[in-house]
Amino acid sequence: MKARIHITLKNGVLDPQGKAIHHSLEGLGFDGVNDVRQGKFIEIELTDGDKVAAEAKVAEMCEQLLANTVIEDFSVEIDG
């Protein structure tokens, strides 16, 4: 079973890397980009067979280690 985790900065949190990407895109001639927010993507291979238990375990991993929940949001997708 595979878990896919998307971690992004919460709305209202300054994203200097996103601003740098936005500026670079404009410099390369890509028009029509209003804003860029960057984040992290993590894949974890799990041995759990229970999808609900796996999702709860991965959420706990995010809350304790993978995401800084003060400034970041996360979403979990379980395949398998």
N, C-alpha and C. Protein backbone atom coordinates (compact mmCIF):
# COMPACT_ATOMS: atom_id res chain seq x y z
N MET A 1 0.85 -1.17 0.00
CA MET A 1 0.00 0.00 0.00
C MET A 1 0.90 1.24 0.00
N LYS A 2 0.55 2.23 -0.81
CA LYS A 2 1.37 3.42 -0.94
C LYS A 2 0.59 4.64 -0.45
N ALA A 3 1.29 5.47 0.33
CA ALA A 3 0.72 6.73 0.79
C ALA A 3 1.41 7.87 0.04
N ARG A 4 0.60 8.80 -0.44
CA ARG A 4 1.11 10.00 -1.09
C ARG A 4 0.70 11.20 -0.23
N ILE A 5 1.68 12.00 0.12
CA ILE A 5 1.45 13.13 1.03
C ILE A 5 1.85 14.42 0.32
N HIS A 6 0.94 15.37 0.31
CA HIS A 6 1.20 16.70 -0.23
C HIS A 6 1.23 17.68 0.95
N ILE A 7 2.32 18.42 1.06
CA ILE A 7 2.47 19.38 2.15
C ILE A 7 2.67 20.76 1.52
N THR A 8 1.84 21.71 1.94
CA THR A 8 1.93 23.07 1.42
C THR A 8 1.85 24.07 2.57
N LEU A 9 2.38 25.26 2.33
CA LEU A 9 2.26 26.31 3.33
C LEU A 9 0.81 26.74 3.44
N LYS A 10 0.39 27.07 4.65
CA LYS A 10 -0.97 27.55 4.86
C LYS A 10 -1.15 28.89 4.17
N ASN A 11 -2.39 29.19 3.80
CA ASN A 11 -2.70 30.50 3.22
C ASN A 11 -2.32 31.58 4.21
N GLY A 12 -1.71 32.63 3.72
CA GLY A 12 -1.29 33.73 4.58
C GLY A 12 0.15 33.61 5.05
N VAL A 13 0.77 32.44 4.87
CA VAL A 13 2.17 32.27 5.24
C VAL A 13 3.02 32.67 4.04
N LEU A 14 3.99 33.55 4.26
CA LEU A 14 4.86 34.02 3.20
C LEU A 14 5.61 32.85 2.58
N ASP A 15 5.66 32.80 1.25
CA ASP A 15 6.32 31.73 0.52
C ASP A 15 7.39 32.32 -0.39
N PRO A 16 8.60 32.60 0.16
CA PRO A 16 9.64 33.23 -0.65
C PRO A 16 10.10 32.37 -1.83
N GLN A 17 10.11 31.05 -1.67
CA GLN A 17 10.51 30.19 -2.79
C GLN A 17 9.46 30.25 -3.90
N GLY A 18 8.18 30.28 -3.53
CA GLY A 18 7.13 30.44 -4.53
C GLY A 18 7.26 31.76 -5.27
N LYS A 19 7.59 32.83 -4.54
CA LYS A 19 7.79 34.14 -5.18
C LYS A 19 8.97 34.10 -6.14
N ALA A 20 10.06 33.42 -5.76
CA ALA A 20 11.23 33.32 -6.63
C ALA A 20 10.88 32.54 -7.90
N ILE A 21 10.11 31.47 -7.76
CA ILE A 21 9.68 30.69 -8.93
C ILE A 21 8.81 31.56 -9.84
N HIS A 22 7.88 32.30 -9.23
CA HIS A 22 7.00 33.19 -10.00
C HIS A 22 7.82 34.21 -10.78
N HIS A 23 8.78 34.82 -10.11
CA HIS A 23 9.63 35.82 -10.76
C HIS A 23 10.41 35.19 -11.92
N SER A 24 10.94 34.00 -11.72
CA SER A 24 11.70 33.32 -12.77
C SER A 24 10.81 32.96 -13.96
N LEU A 25 9.60 32.52 -13.68
CA LEU A 25 8.67 32.20 -14.78
C LEU A 25 8.38 33.44 -15.62
N GLU A 26 8.15 34.58 -14.93
CA GLU A 26 7.93 35.83 -15.66
C GLU A 26 9.15 36.18 -16.49
N GLY A 27 10.35 36.00 -15.93
CA GLY A 27 11.58 36.30 -16.64
C GLY A 27 11.78 35.43 -17.88
N LEU A 28 11.23 34.23 -17.84
CA LEU A 28 11.32 33.33 -18.98
C LEU A 28 10.22 33.57 -20.01
N GLY A 29 9.35 34.54 -19.72
CA GLY A 29 8.32 34.90 -20.68
C GLY A 29 6.99 34.19 -20.50
N PHE A 30 6.80 33.50 -19.39
CA PHE A 30 5.51 32.85 -19.13
C PHE A 30 4.56 33.86 -18.52
N ASP A 31 3.63 34.33 -19.34
CA ASP A 31 2.65 35.32 -18.89
C ASP A 31 1.42 34.62 -18.31
N GLY A 32 0.65 35.35 -17.54
CA GLY A 32 -0.61 34.84 -17.03
C GLY A 32 -0.49 34.01 -15.76
N VAL A 33 0.68 33.99 -15.14
CA VAL A 33 0.85 33.29 -13.86
C VAL A 33 0.65 34.32 -12.76
N ASN A 34 -0.42 34.17 -11.99
CA ASN A 34 -0.74 35.14 -10.95
C ASN A 34 0.04 34.91 -9.66
N ASP A 35 0.22 33.65 -9.28
CA ASP A 35 0.85 33.35 -8.01
C ASP A 35 1.41 31.93 -8.07
N VAL A 36 2.46 31.67 -7.31
CA VAL A 36 3.04 30.33 -7.22
C VAL A 36 3.22 30.00 -5.75
N ARG A 37 2.77 28.83 -5.35
CA ARG A 37 2.99 28.31 -4.00
C ARG A 37 3.71 26.98 -4.18
N GLN A 38 4.81 26.79 -3.50
CA GLN A 38 5.55 25.54 -3.62
C GLN A 38 5.33 24.71 -2.37
N GLY A 39 5.60 23.42 -2.48
CA GLY A 39 5.40 22.53 -1.34
C GLY A 39 6.28 21.30 -1.46
N LYS A 40 5.89 20.27 -0.72
CA LYS A 40 6.63 19.02 -0.71
C LYS A 40 5.68 17.88 -1.08
N PHE A 41 6.25 16.85 -1.69
CA PHE A 41 5.52 15.63 -2.02
C PHE A 41 6.32 14.46 -1.48
N ILE A 42 5.68 13.61 -0.69
CA ILE A 42 6.35 12.46 -0.08
C ILE A 42 5.55 11.21 -0.38
N GLU A 43 6.24 10.13 -0.78
CA GLU A 43 5.61 8.82 -0.96
C GLU A 43 6.17 7.87 0.09
N ILE A 44 5.29 7.12 0.71
CA ILE A 44 5.68 6.13 1.71
C ILE A 44 5.03 4.80 1.36
N GLU A 45 5.82 3.75 1.31
CA GLU A 45 5.31 2.39 1.08
C GLU A 45 4.99 1.78 2.44
N LEU A 46 3.76 1.32 2.60
CA LEU A 46 3.28 0.77 3.88
C LEU A 46 2.97 -0.71 3.75
N THR A 47 3.09 -1.42 4.85
CA THR A 47 2.73 -2.84 4.87
C THR A 47 1.30 -3.05 5.37
N ASP A 48 0.68 -2.00 5.90
CA ASP A 48 -0.69 -2.11 6.41
C ASP A 48 -1.65 -2.56 5.31
N GLY A 49 -2.59 -3.40 5.66
CA GLY A 49 -3.61 -3.83 4.72
C GLY A 49 -4.91 -3.06 4.88
N ASP A 50 -5.06 -2.36 5.99
CA ASP A 50 -6.27 -1.61 6.30
C ASP A 50 -6.09 -0.15 5.88
N LYS A 51 -6.85 0.26 4.88
CA LYS A 51 -6.71 1.61 4.32
C LYS A 51 -7.00 2.69 5.36
N VAL A 52 -8.02 2.51 6.18
CA VAL A 52 -8.39 3.51 7.19
C VAL A 52 -7.28 3.63 8.24
N ALA A 53 -6.75 2.49 8.69
CA ALA A 53 -5.67 2.51 9.68
C ALA A 53 -4.41 3.14 9.09
N ALA A 54 -4.13 2.83 7.83
CA ALA A 54 -2.96 3.40 7.17
C ALA A 54 -3.07 4.91 7.07
N GLU A 55 -4.24 5.40 6.71
CA GLU A 55 -4.44 6.84 6.60
C GLU A 55 -4.25 7.52 7.95
N ALA A 56 -4.75 6.92 9.01
CA ALA A 56 -4.59 7.47 10.36
C ALA A 56 -3.12 7.48 10.76
N LYS A 57 -2.40 6.40 10.43
CA LYS A 57 -0.98 6.31 10.78
C LYS A 57 -0.18 7.37 10.05
N VAL A 58 -0.45 7.57 8.77
CA VAL A 58 0.28 8.56 7.98
C VAL A 58 -0.05 9.97 8.46
N ALA A 59 -1.28 10.23 8.82
CA ALA A 59 -1.65 11.54 9.37
C ALA A 59 -0.88 11.81 10.65
N GLU A 60 -0.72 10.79 11.48
CA GLU A 60 0.06 10.94 12.72
C GLU A 60 1.53 11.22 12.39
N MET A 61 2.06 10.55 11.36
CA MET A 61 3.44 10.81 10.93
C MET A 61 3.60 12.27 10.52
N CYS A 62 2.61 12.78 9.79
CA CYS A 62 2.66 14.17 9.34
C CYS A 62 2.62 15.13 10.52
N GLU A 63 1.75 14.86 11.46
CA GLU A 63 1.61 15.74 12.61
C GLU A 63 2.84 15.73 13.50
N GLN A 64 3.53 14.59 13.59
CA GLN A 64 4.67 14.49 14.49
C GLN A 64 6.01 14.83 13.84
N LEU A 65 6.13 14.62 12.51
CA LEU A 65 7.44 14.78 11.88
C LEU A 65 7.42 15.45 10.51
N LEU A 66 6.59 14.98 9.63
CA LEU A 66 6.71 15.35 8.22
C LEU A 66 6.26 16.77 7.90
N ALA A 67 5.28 17.28 8.62
CA ALA A 67 4.77 18.63 8.36
C ALA A 67 4.90 19.49 9.61
N ASN A 68 5.18 20.75 9.42
CA ASN A 68 5.15 21.72 10.51
C ASN A 68 3.73 22.28 10.53
N THR A 69 2.88 21.69 11.36
CA THR A 69 1.45 22.02 11.31
C THR A 69 1.12 23.43 11.76
N VAL A 70 2.10 24.15 12.29
CA VAL A 70 1.87 25.56 12.63
C VAL A 70 1.74 26.38 11.35
N ILE A 71 2.56 26.05 10.34
CA ILE A 71 2.57 26.85 9.11
C ILE A 71 2.24 26.05 7.86
N GLU A 72 2.08 24.72 7.99
CA GLU A 72 1.84 23.89 6.81
C GLU A 72 0.56 23.08 6.95
N ASP A 73 -0.10 22.87 5.81
CA ASP A 73 -1.23 21.94 5.70
C ASP A 73 -0.74 20.70 4.98
N PHE A 74 -1.42 19.59 5.19
CA PHE A 74 -1.07 18.37 4.47
C PHE A 74 -2.33 17.63 4.08
N SER A 75 -2.19 16.84 3.00
CA SER A 75 -3.27 15.94 2.60
C SER A 75 -2.64 14.59 2.31
N VAL A 76 -3.41 13.52 2.60
CA VAL A 76 -2.92 12.17 2.47
C VAL A 76 -3.82 11.42 1.50
N GLU A 77 -3.20 10.68 0.59
CA GLU A 77 -3.91 9.82 -0.36
C GLU A 77 -3.31 8.44 -0.23
N ILE A 78 -4.18 7.43 -0.01
CA ILE A 78 -3.72 6.05 0.13
C ILE A 78 -4.16 5.26 -1.10
N ASP A 79 -3.21 4.55 -1.74
CA ASP A 79 -3.50 3.67 -2.86
C ASP A 79 -3.29 2.23 -2.42
N GLY A 80 -4.16 1.38 -2.87
CA GLY A 80 -3.99 -0.04 -2.57
C GLY A 80 -5.08 -0.50 -1.72
